[in-house]
N, C-alpha and C. Protein backbone atom coordinates (compact mmCIF):
# COMPACT_ATOMS: atom_id res chain seq x y z
N MET A 1 -9.49 -24.48 -20.18
CA MET A 1 -9.25 -23.66 -19.21
C MET A 1 -9.04 -23.69 -17.38
N LEU A 2 -9.46 -25.23 -17.01
CA LEU A 2 -8.97 -25.42 -15.74
C LEU A 2 -7.97 -24.83 -15.21
N GLY A 3 -6.85 -25.30 -15.99
CA GLY A 3 -5.52 -25.17 -15.45
C GLY A 3 -5.01 -23.71 -15.66
N ARG A 4 -3.68 -23.46 -14.93
CA ARG A 4 -3.04 -22.18 -15.28
C ARG A 4 -3.65 -21.30 -14.39
N GLY A 5 -4.78 -21.51 -13.29
CA GLY A 5 -5.56 -20.48 -12.41
C GLY A 5 -6.35 -20.08 -12.87
N PHE A 6 -7.07 -20.35 -14.09
CA PHE A 6 -8.29 -19.67 -14.43
C PHE A 6 -9.51 -19.69 -13.45
N LEU A 7 -9.73 -20.87 -12.98
CA LEU A 7 -10.76 -20.97 -11.96
C LEU A 7 -10.48 -20.76 -10.66
N THR A 8 -9.24 -20.36 -10.32
CA THR A 8 -8.71 -20.19 -8.65
C THR A 8 -9.91 -19.02 -8.14
N GLY A 9 -10.28 -17.99 -9.06
CA GLY A 9 -10.88 -16.86 -8.67
C GLY A 9 -9.87 -15.65 -8.06
N VAL A 10 -8.48 -15.96 -8.32
CA VAL A 10 -7.66 -14.70 -8.22
C VAL A 10 -7.09 -13.88 -9.26
N LEU A 11 -7.37 -14.59 -10.39
CA LEU A 11 -7.17 -13.63 -11.76
C LEU A 11 -8.22 -12.78 -11.87
N ALA A 12 -7.72 -11.43 -12.85
CA ALA A 12 -8.03 -10.86 -12.99
C ALA A 12 -7.94 -10.24 -14.83
N PRO A 13 -8.62 -9.89 -15.21
CA PRO A 13 -8.44 -8.98 -16.63
C PRO A 13 -6.72 -8.44 -16.69
N ASP A 14 -6.51 -7.63 -15.76
CA ASP A 14 -5.63 -7.01 -15.18
C ASP A 14 -4.23 -7.36 -14.79
N THR A 15 -4.54 -8.84 -14.82
CA THR A 15 -3.46 -9.66 -13.78
C THR A 15 -2.00 -9.40 -14.71
N THR A 16 -1.20 -9.18 -14.06
CA THR A 16 0.25 -9.45 -14.61
C THR A 16 1.20 -10.50 -13.95
N PHE A 17 1.91 -11.12 -14.71
CA PHE A 17 2.72 -12.38 -14.16
C PHE A 17 4.25 -12.04 -13.98
N PRO A 18 4.54 -12.62 -13.05
CA PRO A 18 6.32 -11.99 -12.93
C PRO A 18 7.16 -12.88 -13.79
N PRO A 19 8.14 -12.22 -14.18
CA PRO A 19 8.93 -12.95 -15.36
C PRO A 19 9.45 -14.58 -14.82
N GLY A 20 9.36 -14.83 -16.27
CA GLY A 20 9.50 -16.89 -16.00
C GLY A 20 7.93 -17.10 -15.88
N ASP A 21 7.17 -16.75 -15.63
CA ASP A 21 5.78 -17.50 -15.56
C ASP A 21 5.48 -17.62 -16.72
N PHE A 22 5.15 -18.83 -17.16
CA PHE A 22 4.46 -19.30 -18.19
C PHE A 22 3.25 -18.41 -18.90
N ARG A 23 2.53 -18.08 -17.96
CA ARG A 23 1.40 -17.33 -18.43
C ARG A 23 1.67 -15.84 -18.88
N ALA A 24 2.59 -15.67 -18.86
CA ALA A 24 3.24 -14.17 -19.20
C ALA A 24 3.11 -14.04 -20.51
N GLU A 25 3.65 -14.98 -21.41
CA GLU A 25 3.64 -15.14 -23.14
C GLU A 25 2.85 -16.04 -23.48
N ASN A 26 1.70 -16.92 -22.59
CA ASN A 26 0.74 -17.71 -22.93
C ASN A 26 -0.16 -16.37 -23.72
N PRO A 27 -0.82 -16.65 -24.76
CA PRO A 27 -1.92 -16.10 -25.76
C PRO A 27 -3.33 -16.05 -24.86
N ARG A 28 -3.31 -16.84 -24.24
CA ARG A 28 -4.95 -17.01 -23.60
C ARG A 28 -4.80 -16.14 -22.43
N PHE A 29 -3.35 -15.78 -21.88
CA PHE A 29 -3.20 -14.65 -20.61
C PHE A 29 -3.11 -13.30 -21.02
N GLN A 30 -3.03 -13.06 -22.35
CA GLN A 30 -2.84 -11.34 -22.86
C GLN A 30 -4.23 -11.01 -22.36
N PRO A 31 -4.25 -9.55 -22.09
CA PRO A 31 -5.35 -8.92 -21.71
C PRO A 31 -6.46 -8.87 -22.41
N ASP A 32 -6.78 -9.12 -23.88
CA ASP A 32 -8.08 -9.19 -24.44
C ASP A 32 -8.60 -10.40 -24.26
N ALA A 33 -7.53 -11.26 -24.52
CA ALA A 33 -7.92 -12.69 -24.32
C ALA A 33 -8.38 -13.35 -22.73
N MET A 34 -7.65 -12.31 -21.91
CA MET A 34 -8.09 -12.91 -20.71
C MET A 34 -9.50 -12.18 -20.22
N ARG A 35 -9.93 -11.13 -20.85
CA ARG A 35 -11.28 -10.47 -20.58
C ARG A 35 -12.33 -11.48 -21.12
N ALA A 36 -12.03 -11.86 -21.93
CA ALA A 36 -12.90 -12.89 -22.89
C ALA A 36 -12.92 -14.20 -22.31
N ASN A 37 -11.97 -14.81 -21.47
CA ASN A 37 -11.78 -16.00 -21.02
C ASN A 37 -12.53 -16.06 -19.63
N LEU A 38 -12.25 -14.86 -19.02
CA LEU A 38 -12.86 -14.96 -17.76
C LEU A 38 -14.14 -14.83 -18.19
N ALA A 39 -14.82 -14.30 -18.81
CA ALA A 39 -16.18 -14.36 -18.90
C ALA A 39 -16.78 -15.63 -19.20
N LEU A 40 -16.03 -16.54 -20.05
CA LEU A 40 -16.23 -17.90 -20.08
C LEU A 40 -16.22 -18.56 -18.68
N VAL A 41 -15.41 -18.04 -18.03
CA VAL A 41 -15.21 -18.68 -16.49
C VAL A 41 -16.61 -18.35 -15.50
N GLU A 42 -16.87 -17.03 -15.67
CA GLU A 42 -18.03 -16.53 -15.15
C GLU A 42 -19.36 -17.49 -14.99
N ARG A 43 -19.29 -17.84 -16.40
CA ARG A 43 -20.39 -18.76 -16.83
C ARG A 43 -20.72 -19.73 -16.15
N ILE A 44 -19.21 -20.58 -16.18
CA ILE A 44 -19.04 -21.84 -15.64
C ILE A 44 -19.47 -21.82 -14.08
N ARG A 45 -18.83 -20.79 -13.57
CA ARG A 45 -19.22 -20.67 -11.98
C ARG A 45 -20.69 -20.30 -11.81
N GLU A 46 -21.54 -19.53 -12.49
CA GLU A 46 -22.94 -19.61 -12.41
C GLU A 46 -23.37 -21.15 -12.66
N VAL A 47 -23.09 -21.84 -13.38
CA VAL A 47 -23.53 -23.36 -13.49
C VAL A 47 -23.20 -23.99 -12.19
N ALA A 48 -21.70 -23.97 -11.68
CA ALA A 48 -21.37 -24.49 -10.53
C ALA A 48 -22.06 -24.03 -9.36
N GLY A 49 -22.52 -22.84 -9.33
CA GLY A 49 -23.52 -22.26 -8.39
C GLY A 49 -24.80 -23.02 -8.15
N GLY A 50 -25.11 -23.23 -9.21
CA GLY A 50 -26.63 -23.59 -9.69
C GLY A 50 -26.58 -25.26 -8.93
N LEU A 51 -25.53 -25.76 -9.11
CA LEU A 51 -25.24 -27.43 -8.69
C LEU A 51 -24.53 -27.65 -7.38
N GLY A 52 -24.03 -26.72 -6.58
CA GLY A 52 -23.89 -26.66 -5.21
C GLY A 52 -22.10 -27.12 -5.67
N SER A 53 -21.60 -26.75 -6.69
CA SER A 53 -20.06 -27.43 -6.52
C SER A 53 -19.25 -26.20 -7.20
N THR A 54 -18.01 -26.64 -7.38
CA THR A 54 -17.27 -25.76 -7.57
C THR A 54 -16.66 -25.56 -9.40
N PRO A 55 -16.46 -24.72 -9.78
CA PRO A 55 -16.16 -24.59 -11.43
C PRO A 55 -15.26 -25.69 -11.65
N ALA A 56 -14.03 -25.89 -11.00
CA ALA A 56 -13.21 -27.11 -11.53
C ALA A 56 -14.03 -28.30 -11.39
N GLN A 57 -14.99 -28.89 -10.69
CA GLN A 57 -15.78 -29.88 -10.71
C GLN A 57 -16.57 -29.99 -11.65
N VAL A 58 -17.23 -28.72 -12.17
CA VAL A 58 -18.05 -28.67 -13.35
C VAL A 58 -17.19 -28.95 -14.70
N CYS A 59 -15.95 -28.50 -14.43
CA CYS A 59 -15.39 -28.78 -15.84
C CYS A 59 -14.87 -30.13 -15.80
N ILE A 60 -14.55 -30.86 -14.76
CA ILE A 60 -14.12 -31.87 -14.86
C ILE A 60 -15.50 -33.05 -15.15
N ALA A 61 -16.65 -32.83 -14.50
CA ALA A 61 -17.70 -33.49 -14.88
C ALA A 61 -18.14 -33.20 -16.03
N TRP A 62 -17.94 -32.28 -16.88
CA TRP A 62 -18.40 -32.20 -18.08
C TRP A 62 -17.32 -33.04 -19.10
N VAL A 63 -16.22 -33.04 -19.05
CA VAL A 63 -15.28 -33.83 -19.66
C VAL A 63 -15.52 -35.54 -19.34
N LEU A 64 -15.74 -36.04 -18.17
CA LEU A 64 -16.33 -37.11 -17.91
C LEU A 64 -17.68 -37.30 -18.61
N ALA A 65 -18.57 -36.28 -18.98
CA ALA A 65 -19.77 -36.69 -19.48
C ALA A 65 -19.72 -36.93 -20.91
N GLN A 66 -18.66 -36.65 -21.37
CA GLN A 66 -18.31 -36.75 -23.01
C GLN A 66 -18.13 -38.21 -23.37
N GLY A 67 -18.09 -39.38 -22.81
CA GLY A 67 -18.19 -40.48 -22.80
C GLY A 67 -17.21 -41.46 -22.36
N GLU A 68 -17.43 -42.91 -22.03
CA GLU A 68 -16.46 -43.74 -21.71
C GLU A 68 -14.91 -43.65 -22.18
N HIS A 69 -14.92 -43.00 -23.44
CA HIS A 69 -13.65 -43.09 -23.70
C HIS A 69 -12.87 -42.09 -23.66
N VAL A 70 -13.30 -41.22 -22.76
CA VAL A 70 -12.49 -39.87 -22.68
C VAL A 70 -12.45 -39.75 -21.06
N LEU A 71 -11.25 -39.19 -20.77
CA LEU A 71 -10.89 -39.21 -19.24
C LEU A 71 -10.36 -37.96 -18.84
N ALA A 72 -10.45 -37.57 -17.74
CA ALA A 72 -10.07 -36.09 -17.03
C ALA A 72 -8.81 -36.37 -16.17
N ILE A 73 -7.73 -35.84 -16.69
CA ILE A 73 -6.51 -36.01 -15.96
C ILE A 73 -6.13 -34.55 -15.49
N PRO A 74 -6.75 -34.25 -14.30
CA PRO A 74 -6.29 -32.97 -13.55
C PRO A 74 -4.94 -33.01 -13.19
N GLY A 75 -4.14 -31.65 -13.10
CA GLY A 75 -2.89 -31.75 -12.48
C GLY A 75 -3.13 -31.09 -11.07
N THR A 76 -2.36 -31.55 -10.28
CA THR A 76 -2.40 -30.33 -9.01
C THR A 76 -1.19 -30.45 -8.03
N LYS A 77 -0.55 -29.74 -7.55
CA LYS A 77 0.04 -29.45 -6.21
C LYS A 77 -0.09 -29.60 -4.95
N ARG A 78 -1.73 -29.84 -4.59
CA ARG A 78 -2.08 -29.50 -3.53
C ARG A 78 -3.30 -30.69 -3.11
N LEU A 79 -3.14 -31.24 -2.03
CA LEU A 79 -4.04 -32.43 -1.81
C LEU A 79 -5.67 -32.10 -1.95
N SER A 80 -5.80 -30.75 -1.23
CA SER A 80 -7.14 -30.24 -1.10
C SER A 80 -7.77 -30.04 -2.39
N TYR A 81 -6.88 -29.75 -3.47
CA TYR A 81 -7.50 -29.60 -4.74
C TYR A 81 -7.55 -31.10 -5.37
N LEU A 82 -6.76 -31.62 -4.94
CA LEU A 82 -6.90 -33.22 -5.60
C LEU A 82 -8.48 -33.77 -5.11
N GLU A 83 -8.58 -33.63 -3.93
CA GLU A 83 -9.56 -34.00 -3.17
C GLU A 83 -10.80 -33.42 -3.78
N GLU A 84 -11.28 -32.08 -4.25
CA GLU A 84 -12.17 -31.47 -4.78
C GLU A 84 -12.20 -32.12 -6.37
N ASP A 85 -11.25 -32.43 -6.79
CA ASP A 85 -11.29 -32.72 -8.21
C ASP A 85 -12.10 -34.11 -8.49
N LEU A 86 -11.53 -34.74 -7.31
CA LEU A 86 -11.97 -36.07 -7.36
C LEU A 86 -13.50 -36.35 -7.02
N ALA A 87 -13.71 -35.35 -6.47
CA ALA A 87 -15.28 -35.29 -5.92
C ALA A 87 -16.20 -35.08 -7.27
N ALA A 88 -15.46 -34.60 -8.45
CA ALA A 88 -16.34 -34.39 -9.67
C ALA A 88 -16.97 -35.87 -10.02
N ASP A 89 -16.10 -36.88 -10.00
CA ASP A 89 -16.73 -38.03 -10.20
C ASP A 89 -18.12 -38.34 -10.11
N GLY A 90 -18.45 -37.75 -8.48
CA GLY A 90 -19.69 -38.10 -8.37
C GLY A 90 -20.77 -36.66 -8.73
N LEU A 91 -20.43 -35.85 -9.34
CA LEU A 91 -21.21 -34.68 -9.91
C LEU A 91 -21.98 -35.30 -10.99
N VAL A 92 -23.54 -35.12 -10.89
CA VAL A 92 -24.21 -35.45 -12.12
C VAL A 92 -24.50 -33.92 -12.92
N LEU A 93 -24.27 -33.97 -13.88
CA LEU A 93 -24.67 -32.41 -14.99
C LEU A 93 -26.00 -32.67 -15.35
N ASP A 94 -26.91 -31.89 -15.03
CA ASP A 94 -28.26 -31.87 -15.60
C ASP A 94 -28.46 -31.62 -17.03
N ALA A 95 -29.71 -31.87 -17.63
CA ALA A 95 -29.97 -31.19 -18.93
C ALA A 95 -29.51 -29.73 -19.14
N ALA A 96 -29.98 -28.81 -18.30
CA ALA A 96 -29.64 -27.50 -18.20
C ALA A 96 -27.99 -27.19 -18.04
N ALA A 97 -27.49 -27.80 -17.50
CA ALA A 97 -26.30 -27.63 -17.14
C ALA A 97 -25.32 -28.26 -18.26
N MET A 98 -25.66 -29.27 -18.92
CA MET A 98 -24.95 -29.79 -20.01
C MET A 98 -25.07 -28.59 -21.14
N GLN A 99 -26.42 -28.12 -21.48
CA GLN A 99 -26.77 -27.25 -22.18
C GLN A 99 -25.58 -26.14 -22.46
N ALA A 100 -25.77 -25.38 -21.12
CA ALA A 100 -25.05 -24.33 -20.98
C ALA A 100 -23.68 -24.20 -21.22
N LEU A 101 -23.23 -25.46 -21.06
CA LEU A 101 -21.56 -25.87 -20.82
C LEU A 101 -21.19 -26.00 -22.34
N ASN A 102 -22.19 -26.89 -22.93
CA ASN A 102 -22.01 -26.98 -24.58
C ASN A 102 -22.15 -25.57 -25.11
N ALA A 103 -22.99 -25.03 -24.82
CA ALA A 103 -23.09 -23.64 -25.65
C ALA A 103 -22.01 -22.77 -25.64
N LEU A 104 -21.00 -22.85 -24.51
CA LEU A 104 -19.81 -21.92 -24.54
C LEU A 104 -19.09 -21.96 -25.96
N PRO A 105 -18.52 -20.62 -26.12
CA PRO A 105 -17.63 -20.65 -27.29
C PRO A 105 -16.26 -20.97 -27.00
N ALA A 106 -15.33 -21.25 -27.65
CA ALA A 106 -13.85 -21.88 -27.26
C ALA A 106 -13.05 -20.65 -26.82
N ALA A 107 -12.30 -20.92 -25.95
CA ALA A 107 -11.43 -20.09 -25.31
C ALA A 107 -10.71 -19.20 -26.56
N VAL A 108 -10.66 -17.87 -26.17
CA VAL A 108 -9.98 -16.71 -26.90
C VAL A 108 -8.23 -17.13 -26.64
N GLY A 109 -7.50 -17.29 -27.91
CA GLY A 109 -6.16 -17.40 -27.95
C GLY A 109 -5.55 -18.50 -27.84
N ALA A 110 -4.31 -18.67 -28.77
CA ALA A 110 -3.81 -20.05 -28.85
C ALA A 110 -3.68 -20.79 -27.64
N ARG A 111 -3.54 -21.98 -27.50
CA ARG A 111 -3.41 -22.60 -26.14
C ARG A 111 -1.85 -22.48 -25.73
N TYR A 112 -0.87 -22.32 -26.57
CA TYR A 112 0.59 -22.29 -26.43
C TYR A 112 1.05 -20.94 -27.78
N ALA A 113 1.83 -20.28 -26.92
CA ALA A 113 2.56 -19.47 -27.70
C ALA A 113 3.40 -20.10 -29.07
């Protein structure tokens, strides 16, 4: 859920995408799925707010907390987002944050059409 704009704060359940935008046909970005997935994002934002971090940092830190055999490979077009993403390496998720994140249901909609 990190990518494709979900954690940017600009997407709303009624967001429409221009022709040719990958998300226009993606199952996770269809109206019903968007509403459900944005509710997940809101819960991630709550965790992030409690830790003084961004939702993207929380997501990356959660991936990194899965073990040494797991790597986070975020992609971005902007240096500022890369710097934000790299700061996740220093974010420690406490037990309450891990419990809240682990309790989240799976995203709604297939990953790809």
